[in-house]
Amino acid sequence: MAGEGMSVERLQRLADLRDQRNHAHGDRWGTTGQGEWCIVIRRHPDTGERWADLLQWGLVPNWAQDRASPHMHARSETAHELPSFRDAFAKRRCLVVASEFVERRTIGKPRGQEVAFGLATGRGFAVAGIWDAWRDAETSELVRGFAELTVEANSMVAEMHDRMPALLPPEAFSAWLGEVPATEIELRALLRPYPPELMACWSARGKRPPPGEQRTPNQTQGQRRTPAAEPPRQGSLL
């Protein structure tokens, strides 16, 4: 997933952050490519409040012998039961924030085409994630890394890929972060394809369309559709 820069103010509104110490990380936030450091929202271990932090994209289970093969993604259907993810799913959930995600075409043609997806409103969003902390036995270095949860692609993304990130609406944030009680079944129910009518797509090498304009992945290199009515806004997403 790739994301544009996001001001601290936009981030704080998106995730309802109240602690101004998050400013210590700089003026702008954004996610980058595989293996890079990205912004996530998790509960502070001391206060229990929402906290913005930089974690490495790639989860290494705390029991792993080394960090040679970090997990970038985890399937939502099995993350709760696989040894590499089940403890993190139960105890260490987080939100990964971004303004877009990019998928490389594996279905149809042209193979390898990169298409960007985001909310139709142009606002930021949050993806369900899990994290873990791995310590190097020789150097005692502590590495915190996360994995994004994926779900079956909705009808928009399915034109080019069979999976997509598990985008969460704002009303699911509290349960996912553990701020309110939720059973495993209830948490798994939050992980579902995001409604395609609330999303937009465009060529990863082109300009993002104006809010409310609809097109399909197959149209990103051709004609645009007639602009559609702006979809309803989702809570406090930017």
Protein backbone atom coordinates (compact mmCIF):
# COMPACT_ATOMS: atom_id res chain seq x y z
CA MET A 1 0.00 0.00 0.00
CA ALA A 2 1.23 3.50 -0.74
CA GLY A 3 -0.04 6.71 0.73
CA GLU A 4 0.32 10.41 0.20
CA GLY A 5 1.65 12.63 2.96
CA MET A 6 -0.83 13.51 5.67
CA SER A 7 -0.57 16.50 7.98
CA VAL A 8 -0.58 15.86 11.73
CA GLU A 9 -3.84 17.77 12.02
CA ARG A 10 -5.55 15.54 9.42
CA LEU A 11 -4.17 12.46 11.12
CA GLN A 12 -5.43 13.53 14.52
CA ARG A 13 -8.92 14.14 13.14
CA LEU A 14 -8.94 10.84 11.27
CA ALA A 15 -8.02 8.74 14.29
CA ASP A 16 -9.45 11.05 16.98
CA LEU A 17 -6.03 11.55 18.56
CA ARG A 18 -5.79 13.93 21.50
CA ASP A 19 -2.17 13.61 22.61
CA GLN A 20 -0.11 16.45 21.13
CA ARG A 21 3.12 14.51 21.74
CA ASN A 22 2.45 12.84 18.40
CA HIS A 23 3.86 16.02 16.86
CA ALA A 24 7.31 14.81 17.88
CA HIS A 25 7.43 12.57 14.82
CA GLY A 26 7.37 15.47 12.35
CA ASP A 27 5.03 17.65 10.35
CA ARG A 28 3.73 15.09 7.85
CA TRP A 29 2.89 11.43 7.88
CA GLY A 30 2.52 8.93 5.09
CA THR A 31 2.95 5.29 4.24
CA THR A 32 5.53 4.17 1.73
CA GLY A 33 6.63 0.94 0.12
CA GLN A 34 7.24 -2.56 1.35
CA GLY A 35 9.63 -2.85 4.27
CA GLU A 36 9.49 0.86 5.05
CA TRP A 37 8.40 2.61 8.21
CA CYS A 38 4.71 3.53 8.23
CA ILE A 39 2.32 5.24 10.57
CA VAL A 40 -0.02 3.13 12.64
CA ILE A 41 -2.50 3.91 15.39
CA ARG A 42 -2.38 1.67 18.43
CA ARG A 43 -3.18 1.90 22.13
CA HIS A 44 -0.43 3.37 24.26
CA PRO A 45 0.89 0.63 26.60
CA ASP A 46 0.84 2.96 29.63
CA THR A 47 -2.21 5.17 29.15
CA GLY A 48 -4.39 3.01 26.92
CA GLU A 49 -5.08 6.05 24.70
CA ARG A 50 -4.81 6.06 20.93
CA TRP A 51 -1.26 6.70 19.91
CA ALA A 52 0.35 7.39 16.54
CA ASP A 53 3.61 5.53 16.06
CA LEU A 54 6.05 4.53 13.34
CA LEU A 55 6.30 0.78 12.86
CA GLN A 56 8.10 -1.20 10.21
CA TRP A 57 5.93 -2.79 7.54
CA GLY A 58 6.59 -6.48 8.06
CA LEU A 59 5.52 -8.43 11.14
CA VAL A 60 8.03 -10.79 12.72
CA PRO A 61 6.53 -13.04 15.44
CA ASN A 62 8.22 -12.51 18.80
CA TRP A 63 9.20 -16.20 18.91
CA ALA A 64 10.90 -16.22 15.48
CA GLN A 65 14.60 -17.14 15.31
CA ASP A 66 15.36 -14.26 12.95
CA ARG A 67 13.59 -11.59 10.93
CA ALA A 68 14.61 -12.80 7.49
CA SER A 69 11.00 -13.34 6.30
CA PRO A 70 8.64 -10.69 7.71
CA HIS A 71 4.92 -10.99 7.01
CA MET A 72 3.62 -8.00 5.03
CA HIS A 73 0.01 -9.22 4.91
CA ALA A 74 -2.26 -11.63 6.78
CA ARG A 75 -5.47 -13.11 5.42
CA SER A 76 -8.44 -12.06 7.55
CA GLU A 77 -9.99 -15.52 7.19
CA THR A 78 -7.12 -17.28 9.00
CA ALA A 79 -5.16 -14.64 10.99
CA HIS A 80 -6.98 -15.52 14.21
CA GLU A 81 -5.76 -19.13 14.11
CA LEU A 82 -2.32 -19.21 12.46
CA PRO A 83 0.65 -19.36 14.89
CA SER A 84 2.37 -16.34 13.31
CA PHE A 85 -0.65 -14.07 13.82
CA ARG A 86 -3.12 -15.39 16.39
CA ASP A 87 -1.52 -13.80 19.47
CA ALA A 88 -1.23 -10.43 17.72
CA PHE A 89 -4.81 -10.73 16.47
CA ALA A 90 -5.99 -11.27 20.03
CA LYS A 91 -3.81 -8.67 21.79
CA ARG A 92 -2.02 -6.30 19.39
CA ARG A 93 -4.32 -4.82 16.79
CA CYS A 94 -3.69 -1.50 15.09
CA LEU A 95 -4.89 0.84 12.35
CA VAL A 96 -2.72 1.63 9.33
CA VAL A 97 -3.60 5.05 7.91
CA ALA A 98 -3.20 6.17 4.31
CA SER A 99 -4.88 8.17 1.57
CA GLU A 100 -4.68 5.46 -1.11
CA PHE A 101 -3.50 1.92 -1.80
CA VAL A 102 -2.01 0.60 -5.02
CA GLU A 103 -2.62 -2.82 -6.54
CA ARG A 104 -0.70 -4.40 -9.41
CA ARG A 105 -2.94 -6.15 -11.94
CA THR A 106 -2.91 -9.95 -11.76
CA ILE A 107 -6.29 -10.44 -13.48
CA GLY A 108 -6.89 -9.42 -17.07
CA LYS A 109 -4.66 -7.16 -19.14
CA PRO A 110 -2.32 -5.36 -19.13
CA ARG A 111 -0.64 -7.51 -16.48
CA GLY A 112 1.41 -5.49 -14.04
CA GLN A 113 -0.66 -2.34 -14.50
CA GLU A 114 -0.74 -0.33 -11.26
CA VAL A 115 -4.05 1.14 -10.18
CA ALA A 116 -4.59 3.34 -7.12
CA PHE A 117 -7.70 3.06 -4.94
CA GLY A 118 -9.06 5.38 -2.29
CA LEU A 119 -12.26 6.77 -0.86
CA ALA A 120 -14.55 8.54 -3.30
CA THR A 121 -14.61 11.55 -0.98
CA GLY A 122 -10.82 11.94 -1.27
CA ARG A 123 -10.42 11.53 2.47
CA GLY A 124 -7.98 9.34 4.36
CA PHE A 125 -8.83 5.87 5.65
CA ALA A 126 -7.62 3.19 8.03
CA VAL A 127 -6.74 -0.45 7.32
CA ALA A 128 -6.98 -3.16 9.97
CA GLY A 129 -3.54 -4.30 11.07
CA ILE A 130 -1.79 -6.42 13.68
CA TRP A 131 1.65 -5.86 15.16
CA ASP A 132 4.32 -7.64 17.15
CA ALA A 133 7.68 -6.83 18.74
CA TRP A 134 10.72 -9.00 17.97
CA ARG A 135 13.99 -8.76 19.90
CA ASP A 136 17.38 -9.64 18.44
CA ALA A 137 19.02 -12.13 20.83
CA GLU A 138 22.51 -10.87 20.00
CA THR A 139 22.07 -7.10 19.96
CA SER A 140 18.90 -6.78 22.10
CA GLU A 141 17.47 -4.53 19.36
CA LEU A 142 13.67 -4.38 19.56
CA VAL A 143 11.84 -4.20 16.24
CA ARG A 144 8.13 -3.46 16.11
CA GLY A 145 6.51 -4.47 12.84
CA PHE A 146 2.99 -4.79 11.51
CA ALA A 147 1.05 -6.70 8.87
CA GLU A 148 -2.01 -5.49 7.01
CA LEU A 149 -5.07 -7.70 7.02
CA THR A 150 -6.57 -8.48 3.63
CA VAL A 151 -10.03 -9.53 2.55
CA GLU A 152 -11.63 -10.79 -0.64
CA ALA A 153 -11.69 -8.00 -3.23
CA ASN A 154 -14.88 -6.03 -3.76
CA SER A 155 -16.34 -5.75 -7.27
CA MET A 156 -14.16 -2.72 -8.11
CA VAL A 157 -10.80 -4.18 -7.08
CA ALA A 158 -11.74 -7.67 -8.35
CA GLU A 159 -11.37 -6.50 -11.94
CA MET A 160 -7.60 -6.66 -11.45
CA HIS A 161 -6.82 -8.45 -8.17
CA ASP A 162 -8.51 -11.03 -5.93
CA ARG A 163 -7.56 -9.41 -2.59
CA MET A 164 -7.67 -5.93 -1.05
CA PRO A 165 -6.76 -4.31 2.28
CA ALA A 166 -9.37 -4.58 5.04
CA LEU A 167 -10.54 -0.96 5.24
CA LEU A 168 -12.42 -0.16 8.44
CA PRO A 169 -15.14 2.50 8.90
CA PRO A 170 -14.67 4.92 11.84
CA GLU A 171 -17.37 3.22 13.90
CA ALA A 172 -15.21 0.06 13.97
CA PHE A 173 -12.05 1.75 15.28
CA SER A 174 -12.82 1.40 19.00
CA ALA A 175 -13.58 -2.32 18.81
CA TRP A 176 -10.56 -3.06 16.63
CA LEU A 177 -8.19 -1.18 18.94
CA GLY A 178 -9.61 -2.91 22.01
CA GLU A 179 -11.12 0.23 23.53
CA VAL A 180 -14.47 -1.54 23.88
CA PRO A 181 -15.02 -5.27 24.44
CA ALA A 182 -15.38 -7.41 21.32
CA THR A 183 -15.35 -11.15 20.84
CA GLU A 184 -13.22 -12.89 18.24
CA ILE A 185 -16.34 -13.47 16.16
CA GLU A 186 -17.25 -9.78 16.35
CA LEU A 187 -13.73 -8.73 15.35
CA ARG A 188 -13.70 -11.09 12.37
CA ALA A 189 -17.08 -9.71 11.29
CA LEU A 190 -15.47 -6.26 10.91
CA LEU A 191 -13.13 -7.61 8.23
CA ARG A 192 -15.10 -7.52 5.00
CA PRO A 193 -14.79 -5.96 1.55
CA TYR A 194 -15.30 -2.19 1.62
CA PRO A 195 -18.36 -1.02 -0.35
CA PRO A 196 -17.19 -0.29 -3.92
CA GLU A 197 -19.69 2.56 -4.30
CA LEU A 198 -17.76 4.45 -1.61
CA MET A 199 -14.43 4.10 -3.43
CA ALA A 200 -12.64 5.59 -6.44
CA CYS A 201 -9.78 4.32 -8.60
CA TRP A 202 -7.31 5.89 -10.99
CA SER A 203 -4.04 5.11 -12.73
CA ALA A 204 -1.21 5.08 -10.19
CA ARG A 205 0.71 7.25 -12.65
CA GLY A 206 -2.13 9.68 -13.21
CA LYS A 207 -4.13 12.24 -11.28
CA ARG A 208 -6.69 11.34 -8.67
CA PRO A 209 -10.23 11.97 -9.99
CA PRO A 210 -12.41 14.68 -8.43
CA PRO A 211 -14.57 13.53 -5.49
CA GLY A 212 -17.66 11.67 -6.68
CA GLU A 213 -16.33 10.74 -10.12
CA GLN A 214 -16.68 7.02 -10.81
CA ARG A 215 -14.69 4.71 -13.07
CA THR A 216 -13.54 1.11 -13.12
CA PRO A 217 -9.94 -0.19 -13.08
CA ASN A 218 -10.33 -1.07 -16.76
CA GLN A 219 -11.13 2.57 -17.52
CA THR A 220 -8.11 4.06 -15.80
CA GLN A 221 -6.18 4.24 -19.06
CA GLY A 222 -9.10 5.30 -21.21
CA GLN A 223 -12.28 7.34 -21.13
CA ARG A 224 -13.71 8.53 -17.83
CA ARG A 225 -17.21 7.76 -16.79
CA THR A 226 -19.83 10.44 -16.36
CA PRO A 227 -19.39 11.97 -12.89
CA ALA A 228 -21.63 10.33 -10.32
CA ALA A 229 -23.27 11.82 -7.28
CA GLU A 230 -20.96 12.11 -4.29
CA PRO A 231 -21.42 9.07 -2.01
CA PRO A 232 -22.33 9.53 1.65
CA ARG A 233 -19.51 10.49 3.94
CA GLN A 234 -18.16 7.96 6.41
CA GLY A 235 -18.02 9.36 9.92
CA SER A 236 -14.99 11.54 10.56
CA LEU A 237 -12.78 10.26 7.74
CA LEU A 238 -10.94 13.11 6.04
